[in-house]
Amino acid sequence: MTSATSDNELKELEEKLLGEVAGAGDLDVLEQVRVSAVGKKGSVSALMSRLGKMPPEERKAFGQAVNSIKARVTHALDERKAALAAQELEKRLANEKEDVTLPIRLGPQFEGRIHPVSQVSDELVEIFADMGFSVAEGPDIESDDLNFTKLNIPLEHPARQEHDTFYFGPCSVKTDNGEAERLVLRTHTSPVQIRTMMASKPPIRIIAPGRVYRCDSDQTHTPMFHQIEALVIDEQTHMGNLKWVLEEMCKAFFEVEEVKMRFRASHFPFTEPSAEIDIGADAIGKPGEWLEIGGCGMVHPNVLRNCGLDPEVYQGFAFGMGIDRMAMLKYGLPDLRAFFSGDLRWLKHYGFSVLDVPTLAGGLSP
């Protein structure tokens, strides 16, 4: 092969390739041209394979010529690609239009709903946190000792009977006296208070929200429901402090400036004196009526002793209420059973947006 023949061949190939590049009508065709020209098996690459068979005196000049062609073709490919991409963009901009007057299409993240119980739990935690309470938690499965005995609940008390409490079968859990006892699904979150008093020294100021279980089911009772309890232990706390905390909690929760409250004398084994808590229904737009929201009292001396605290030195108060009932009162939910039905239509109607995070500064309810 002579140099003249090689030069003519290279010139014809370059003209052919540049013509194909200029004639490519879209990016897909241009990619095919690139592969056939400078790809591993392309025509330019095929020329480079000849170098091994050429005389040494022609090899250098031929290689430089082929590389020059490759560079010019590659440059042309890049320019044509940019031009075709710009043309396609202009075409899309001309044909695709966005109607900004259409309503916003909410994504999947906006379809979910926060359950009223979760929302009200967050509201109550926010309120009590502002008053200096910390959140304490405990297991749903408790020993009979922590659920009843250390709370000064006698063996013959109705709450300890199987018609009221879910008991597990016989087990080898030992009491402080070394006797075997059965486990229970906790009937209140009071065992969390016991665990806290046994594990830490006063001053104590906690709330204990969580699930509790009792053998009961009707329009206002379910076998599993939610409670929140509070405990304050120090050397000077009294009933006046208890009433103030409850009043401030109710004013913040129902978002009213004033709330009427009364204590009705009652009896709980773990508090003395004990009282039922009633608030005026004005808070939910029903003036002249009273609503029972929970129970309260001063912690019984026996409970303090059972937890290793000296009742001659320490005293305090405790109270508890149903989170589900508080949700029913505030948001007008008529039937507690619907809370646990799994009905997505109900949840979509009564549920809350994931963005409705309760804060005292921004407002608890949306």
Protein backbone atom coordinates (compact mmCIF):
# COMPACT_ATOMS: atom_id res chain seq x y z
CA MET A 1 0.00 0.00 0.00
CA THR A 2 1.50 3.36 -1.07
CA SER A 3 1.36 6.62 0.88
CA ALA A 4 -0.78 8.24 -1.86
CA THR A 5 -3.30 5.46 -1.64
CA SER A 6 -3.35 5.74 2.14
CA ASP A 7 -3.84 9.53 2.02
CA ASN A 8 -6.75 9.24 -0.44
CA GLU A 9 -8.35 6.50 1.66
CA LEU A 10 -8.07 8.53 4.83
CA LYS A 11 -9.49 11.66 3.18
CA GLU A 12 -12.49 9.76 1.76
CA LEU A 13 -13.16 8.10 5.13
CA GLU A 14 -13.03 11.42 6.98
CA GLU A 15 -15.43 13.07 4.53
CA LYS A 16 -17.79 10.11 4.78
CA LEU A 17 -17.79 10.11 8.59
CA LEU A 18 -18.23 13.88 8.89
CA GLY A 19 -21.12 13.67 6.46
CA GLU A 20 -22.81 10.96 8.53
CA VAL A 21 -22.35 13.05 11.68
CA ALA A 22 -23.87 16.13 10.05
CA GLY A 23 -26.76 14.08 8.66
CA ALA A 24 -27.73 12.45 12.00
CA GLY A 25 -31.29 13.57 12.75
CA ASP A 26 -31.51 12.58 16.40
CA LEU A 27 -29.38 11.42 19.28
CA ASP A 28 -30.04 7.71 18.71
CA VAL A 29 -28.81 7.90 15.09
CA LEU A 30 -25.83 9.96 16.19
CA GLU A 31 -24.87 7.29 18.72
CA GLN A 32 -24.95 4.66 15.96
CA VAL A 33 -22.64 6.85 13.86
CA ARG A 34 -20.25 7.22 16.82
CA VAL A 35 -20.05 3.48 17.39
CA SER A 36 -19.47 2.72 13.67
CA ALA A 37 -16.77 5.40 13.46
CA VAL A 38 -14.71 5.46 16.66
CA GLY A 39 -16.05 2.46 18.56
CA LYS A 40 -13.86 -0.57 19.30
CA LYS A 41 -14.89 -2.15 16.00
CA GLY A 42 -15.39 1.11 14.08
CA SER A 43 -13.80 2.12 10.83
CA VAL A 44 -11.19 4.41 12.44
CA SER A 45 -10.19 1.69 14.89
CA ALA A 46 -9.85 -0.74 11.95
CA LEU A 47 -7.30 1.58 10.32
CA MET A 48 -5.19 1.57 13.47
CA SER A 49 -4.98 -2.23 13.25
CA ARG A 50 -2.99 -1.87 10.02
CA LEU A 51 -0.05 -0.29 11.80
CA GLY A 52 1.50 -3.65 12.68
CA LYS A 53 1.76 -4.67 9.01
CA MET A 54 3.22 -1.43 7.69
CA PRO A 55 6.90 -0.68 7.07
CA PRO A 56 8.55 1.23 9.91
CA GLU A 57 9.17 4.31 7.74
CA GLU A 58 5.38 4.67 6.98
CA ARG A 59 4.01 3.64 10.38
CA LYS A 60 4.56 6.93 12.21
CA ALA A 61 3.03 9.19 9.55
CA PHE A 62 0.04 6.89 9.09
CA GLY A 63 -0.64 6.69 12.81
CA GLN A 64 -0.56 10.47 13.18
CA ALA A 65 -2.96 10.87 10.26
CA VAL A 66 -5.44 8.36 11.69
CA ASN A 67 -5.33 10.04 15.11
CA SER A 68 -6.02 13.43 13.50
CA ILE A 69 -9.09 12.00 11.76
CA LYS A 70 -10.29 10.48 15.01
CA ALA A 71 -9.92 13.81 16.82
CA ARG A 72 -11.82 15.76 14.13
CA VAL A 73 -14.62 13.20 13.97
CA THR A 74 -14.92 13.12 17.79
CA HIS A 75 -15.12 16.93 17.89
CA ALA A 76 -17.84 16.89 15.23
CA LEU A 77 -19.74 14.26 17.19
CA ASP A 78 -19.67 16.41 20.35
CA GLU A 79 -20.86 19.51 18.53
CA ARG A 80 -23.68 17.62 16.79
CA LYS A 81 -24.75 16.01 20.07
CA ALA A 82 -25.00 19.40 21.78
CA ALA A 83 -27.01 20.81 18.86
CA LEU A 84 -29.45 17.86 18.81
CA ALA A 85 -29.91 18.01 22.61
CA ALA A 86 -30.77 21.72 22.35
CA GLN A 87 -33.27 21.00 19.57
CA GLU A 88 -34.97 18.28 21.62
CA LEU A 89 -35.20 20.60 24.64
CA GLU A 90 -36.78 23.35 22.54
CA LYS A 91 -39.26 20.85 21.15
CA ARG A 92 -40.24 19.66 24.66
CA LEU A 93 -40.60 23.22 25.91
CA ALA A 94 -42.85 24.03 22.98
CA ASN A 95 -45.07 20.96 23.38
CA GLU A 96 -45.11 20.36 27.16
CA LYS A 97 -46.99 22.93 29.21
CA GLU A 98 -47.75 23.08 32.93
CA ASP A 99 -51.10 24.42 34.07
CA VAL A 100 -50.21 26.28 37.27
CA THR A 101 -53.90 26.82 38.05
CA LEU A 102 -54.45 23.10 38.76
CA PRO A 103 -54.76 22.08 42.44
CA ILE A 104 -51.69 20.60 44.11
CA ARG A 105 -51.46 16.84 43.84
CA LEU A 106 -50.40 15.65 47.25
CA GLY A 107 -47.92 12.81 47.33
CA PRO A 108 -48.16 9.56 49.32
CA GLN A 109 -46.48 11.16 52.33
CA PHE A 110 -49.53 13.40 52.76
CA GLU A 111 -52.04 10.53 52.59
CA GLY A 112 -51.07 8.99 55.94
CA ARG A 113 -52.74 10.07 59.16
CA ILE A 114 -51.67 10.22 62.80
CA HIS A 115 -54.11 8.31 65.03
CA PRO A 116 -56.01 10.51 67.53
CA VAL A 117 -54.51 8.52 70.43
CA SER A 118 -50.98 9.22 69.20
CA GLN A 119 -51.81 12.88 68.63
CA VAL A 120 -53.32 13.34 72.10
CA SER A 121 -50.38 11.48 73.68
CA ASP A 122 -48.00 13.93 72.03
CA GLU A 123 -50.14 16.85 73.20
CA LEU A 124 -50.10 15.66 76.82
CA VAL A 125 -46.37 14.95 76.77
CA GLU A 126 -45.77 18.45 75.41
CA ILE A 127 -47.85 19.98 78.22
CA PHE A 128 -46.22 18.04 81.05
CA ALA A 129 -42.74 18.54 79.63
CA ASP A 130 -43.33 22.28 79.85
CA MET A 131 -44.06 21.80 83.58
CA GLY A 132 -40.81 19.92 84.15
CA PHE A 133 -42.03 16.31 83.97
CA SER A 134 -39.96 13.63 82.27
CA VAL A 135 -41.39 10.57 80.50
CA ALA A 136 -40.93 7.14 82.14
CA GLU A 137 -41.79 3.81 80.51
CA GLY A 138 -42.14 0.20 81.56
CA PRO A 139 -43.09 -3.22 80.13
CA ASP A 140 -46.66 -4.19 79.24
CA ILE A 141 -46.18 -7.55 81.00
CA GLU A 142 -45.74 -7.04 84.73
CA SER A 143 -45.42 -9.13 87.85
CA ASP A 144 -48.35 -9.39 90.23
CA ASP A 145 -46.11 -7.79 92.84
CA LEU A 146 -45.44 -4.59 90.91
CA ASN A 147 -48.92 -4.36 89.42
CA PHE A 148 -50.81 -4.92 92.69
CA THR A 149 -48.92 -5.74 95.88
CA LYS A 150 -46.49 -2.82 96.04
CA LEU A 151 -49.39 -0.52 95.19
CA ASN A 152 -51.08 -1.52 98.46
CA ILE A 153 -53.83 -3.44 96.65
CA PRO A 154 -55.03 -6.26 98.95
CA LEU A 155 -55.37 -9.86 97.79
CA GLU A 156 -59.17 -9.77 98.02
CA HIS A 157 -59.51 -6.62 95.92
CA PRO A 158 -61.83 -7.07 92.88
CA ALA A 159 -59.14 -5.72 90.53
CA ARG A 160 -57.03 -8.81 91.25
CA GLN A 161 -59.75 -11.22 90.13
CA GLU A 162 -59.60 -12.94 86.75
CA HIS A 163 -62.84 -11.31 85.62
CA ASP A 164 -61.01 -7.97 85.62
CA THR A 165 -57.34 -8.82 84.89
CA PHE A 166 -55.56 -10.77 82.16
CA TYR A 167 -53.31 -13.32 83.87
CA PHE A 168 -50.69 -15.49 82.22
CA GLY A 169 -50.35 -19.16 83.08
CA PRO A 170 -48.22 -20.46 85.98
CA CYS A 171 -44.63 -19.29 85.83
CA SER A 172 -41.45 -19.27 87.88
CA VAL A 173 -41.20 -15.53 88.56
CA LYS A 174 -40.16 -15.01 92.18
CA THR A 175 -41.32 -12.30 94.58
CA ASP A 176 -39.08 -10.62 97.15
CA ASN A 177 -40.08 -13.43 99.54
CA GLY A 178 -38.95 -16.10 97.08
CA GLU A 179 -42.50 -17.22 96.26
CA ALA A 180 -43.66 -17.96 92.71
CA GLU A 181 -46.17 -15.56 91.20
CA ARG A 182 -48.05 -15.14 87.95
CA LEU A 183 -47.44 -12.48 85.35
CA VAL A 184 -50.20 -10.12 84.23
CA LEU A 185 -50.88 -7.69 81.44
CA ARG A 186 -50.59 -4.46 83.40
CA THR A 187 -53.94 -2.98 84.36
CA HIS A 188 -52.54 0.54 84.72
CA THR A 189 -49.22 2.32 84.22
CA SER A 190 -48.75 2.63 87.99
CA PRO A 191 -46.04 -0.10 87.97
CA VAL A 192 -43.90 2.44 86.12
CA GLN A 193 -44.24 4.71 89.14
CA ILE A 194 -43.16 1.84 91.41
CA ARG A 195 -40.14 1.06 89.22
CA THR A 196 -39.16 4.73 89.22
CA MET A 197 -39.38 5.09 93.01
CA MET A 198 -37.39 1.89 93.51
CA ALA A 199 -34.69 2.93 91.05
CA SER A 200 -34.20 6.60 91.94
CA LYS A 201 -34.34 8.91 94.91
CA PRO A 202 -36.60 11.97 95.23
CA PRO A 203 -37.24 14.54 93.98
CA ILE A 204 -39.23 12.68 91.31
CA ARG A 205 -41.45 14.25 88.68
CA ILE A 206 -42.54 11.86 85.91
CA ILE A 207 -45.40 10.97 83.62
CA ALA A 208 -46.02 7.39 82.50
CA PRO A 209 -48.02 7.04 79.26
CA GLY A 210 -48.72 3.65 77.72
CA ARG A 211 -51.05 0.77 76.90
CA VAL A 212 -52.97 -1.00 79.66
CA TYR A 213 -55.30 -4.02 79.64
CA ARG A 214 -58.52 -4.99 81.42
CA CYS A 215 -61.32 -7.49 80.80
CA ASP A 216 -63.92 -4.97 79.67
CA SER A 217 -65.57 -4.07 76.38
CA ASP A 218 -68.43 -1.72 75.46
CA GLN A 219 -68.96 1.69 73.84
CA THR A 220 -66.62 3.43 76.29
CA HIS A 221 -64.36 0.52 77.36
CA THR A 222 -62.02 -1.77 75.43
CA PRO A 223 -59.77 -4.66 76.55
CA MET A 224 -56.73 -2.58 75.61
CA PHE A 225 -56.62 1.18 76.06
CA HIS A 226 -54.18 3.95 76.89
CA GLN A 227 -53.42 5.75 80.12
CA ILE A 228 -51.18 8.53 81.27
CA GLU A 229 -50.23 8.80 84.93
CA ALA A 230 -48.15 11.36 86.78
CA LEU A 231 -46.08 11.08 89.94
CA VAL A 232 -44.42 13.78 92.03
CA ILE A 233 -42.40 12.86 95.14
CA ASP A 234 -40.43 15.27 97.32
CA GLU A 235 -40.51 16.58 100.89
CA GLN A 236 -43.12 19.35 100.58
CA THR A 237 -45.61 18.56 97.77
CA HIS A 238 -49.26 18.81 98.80
CA MET A 239 -52.83 18.65 97.39
CA GLY A 240 -52.69 22.29 96.35
CA ASN A 241 -49.80 21.51 94.01
CA LEU A 242 -51.79 18.58 92.64
CA LYS A 243 -54.82 20.75 91.85
CA TRP A 244 -52.68 23.44 90.21
CA VAL A 245 -50.95 20.91 87.94
CA LEU A 246 -54.29 19.43 86.87
CA GLU A 247 -55.84 22.84 86.22
CA GLU A 248 -52.89 24.01 84.13
CA MET A 249 -52.91 20.73 82.21
CA CYS A 250 -56.63 21.01 81.41
CA LYS A 251 -56.38 24.66 80.36
CA ALA A 252 -53.52 23.87 77.99
CA PHE A 253 -55.07 20.65 76.66
CA PHE A 254 -58.55 22.06 75.95
CA GLU A 255 -57.01 25.39 74.94
CA VAL A 256 -59.18 27.55 77.19
CA GLU A 257 -58.24 30.37 79.54
CA GLU A 258 -60.20 29.06 82.53
CA VAL A 259 -61.43 25.65 83.62
CA LYS A 260 -63.72 24.69 86.49
CA MET A 261 -62.52 21.71 88.50
CA ARG A 262 -63.76 19.79 91.49
CA PHE A 263 -62.48 16.84 93.50
CA ARG A 264 -64.97 14.19 94.64
CA ALA A 265 -63.86 12.07 97.57
CA SER A 266 -63.10 8.51 96.50
CA HIS A 267 -60.96 5.55 97.50
CA PHE A 268 -57.90 4.08 95.79
CA PRO A 269 -55.61 1.67 97.67
CA PHE A 270 -52.49 3.48 96.48
CA THR A 271 -53.46 7.07 97.46
CA GLU A 272 -54.73 8.66 100.65
CA PRO A 273 -56.65 10.92 100.49
CA SER A 274 -58.09 9.99 97.09
CA ALA A 275 -60.39 11.86 94.74
CA GLU A 276 -62.12 11.67 91.37
CA ILE A 277 -61.33 14.58 89.04
CA ASP A 278 -64.24 16.42 87.41
CA ILE A 279 -63.98 19.41 85.10
CA GLY A 280 -66.69 21.75 83.86
CA ALA A 281 -67.89 20.78 80.40
CA ASP A 282 -67.66 24.42 79.37
CA ALA A 283 -64.20 23.46 78.11
CA ILE A 284 -65.81 21.40 75.31
CA GLY A 285 -68.81 23.62 74.71
CA LYS A 286 -71.32 21.99 77.09
CA PRO A 287 -71.90 24.48 79.92
CA GLY A 288 -73.66 23.27 83.06
CA GLU A 289 -72.30 19.72 82.91
CA TRP A 290 -69.41 17.98 84.64
CA LEU A 291 -66.96 15.52 83.06
CA GLU A 292 -64.98 12.91 84.96
CA ILE A 293 -61.47 12.71 83.54
CA GLY A 294 -59.54 10.57 86.06
CA GLY A 295 -58.49 9.89 89.61
CA CYS A 296 -55.86 11.39 91.90
CA GLY A 297 -54.57 11.61 95.45
CA MET A 298 -51.58 11.77 97.75
CA VAL A 299 -49.33 8.71 97.50
CA HIS A 300 -50.19 6.25 100.27
CA PRO A 301 -47.48 5.86 102.94
CA ASN A 302 -47.53 2.08 102.44
CA VAL A 303 -46.62 2.55 98.77
CA LEU A 304 -43.68 4.72 99.75
CA ARG A 305 -42.51 2.10 102.27
CA ASN A 306 -42.84 -0.68 99.67
CA CYS A 307 -40.50 1.28 97.42
CA GLY A 308 -37.91 1.93 100.12
CA LEU A 309 -38.88 5.56 100.81
CA ASP A 310 -39.52 6.93 104.28
CA PRO A 311 -43.08 8.38 104.47
CA GLU A 312 -41.98 10.50 107.44
CA VAL A 313 -39.63 12.33 105.10
CA TYR A 314 -41.19 12.11 101.64
CA GLN A 315 -44.66 12.68 100.30
CA GLY A 316 -46.18 13.34 96.93
CA PHE A 317 -49.15 13.03 94.64
CA ALA A 318 -50.20 10.88 91.72
CA PHE A 319 -53.00 11.02 89.19
CA GLY A 320 -54.08 9.15 86.09
CA MET A 321 -56.48 9.47 83.19
CA GLY A 322 -57.38 7.67 79.98
CA ILE A 323 -55.73 9.08 76.87
CA ASP A 324 -58.51 7.59 74.72
CA ARG A 325 -61.17 9.31 76.84
CA MET A 326 -59.35 12.63 76.65
CA ALA A 327 -59.26 12.27 72.85
CA MET A 328 -63.01 11.52 72.81
CA LEU A 329 -63.78 14.60 74.90
CA LYS A 330 -61.59 17.03 72.98
CA TYR A 331 -62.30 15.90 69.43
CA GLY A 332 -65.90 14.68 69.78
CA LEU A 333 -65.31 10.99 69.07
CA PRO A 334 -68.46 9.05 70.02
CA ASP A 335 -67.35 5.40 70.19
CA LEU A 336 -64.11 4.11 71.71
CA ARG A 337 -64.33 0.84 69.78
CA ALA A 338 -63.72 2.66 66.49
CA PHE A 339 -60.25 3.59 67.78
CA PHE A 340 -59.14 -0.02 67.27
CA SER A 341 -61.25 -1.03 64.26
CA GLY A 342 -58.55 -0.45 61.64
CA ASP A 343 -61.06 1.42 59.44
CA LEU A 344 -59.02 3.65 57.13
CA ARG A 345 -62.07 5.78 56.35
CA TRP A 346 -62.44 6.58 60.06
CA LEU A 347 -58.74 7.34 60.37
CA LYS A 348 -58.78 9.60 57.33
CA HIS A 349 -61.70 11.54 58.83
CA TYR A 350 -60.52 11.79 62.44
CA GLY A 351 -56.76 11.44 61.97
CA PHE A 352 -54.16 14.20 61.87
CA SER A 353 -51.62 15.24 59.27
CA VAL A 354 -48.03 14.17 59.91
CA LEU A 355 -47.19 17.89 59.87
CA ASP A 356 -49.59 18.69 62.75
CA VAL A 357 -46.92 18.42 65.44
CA PRO A 358 -48.37 19.76 68.73
CA THR A 359 -46.45 22.57 70.40
CA LEU A 360 -47.48 24.99 73.11
CA ALA A 361 -46.07 27.89 71.11
CA GLY A 362 -47.77 26.97 67.84
CA GLY A 363 -50.96 25.46 69.27
CA LEU A 364 -51.68 21.91 70.31
CA SER A 365 -54.53 21.16 67.94
CA PRO A 366 -54.43 21.94 64.20
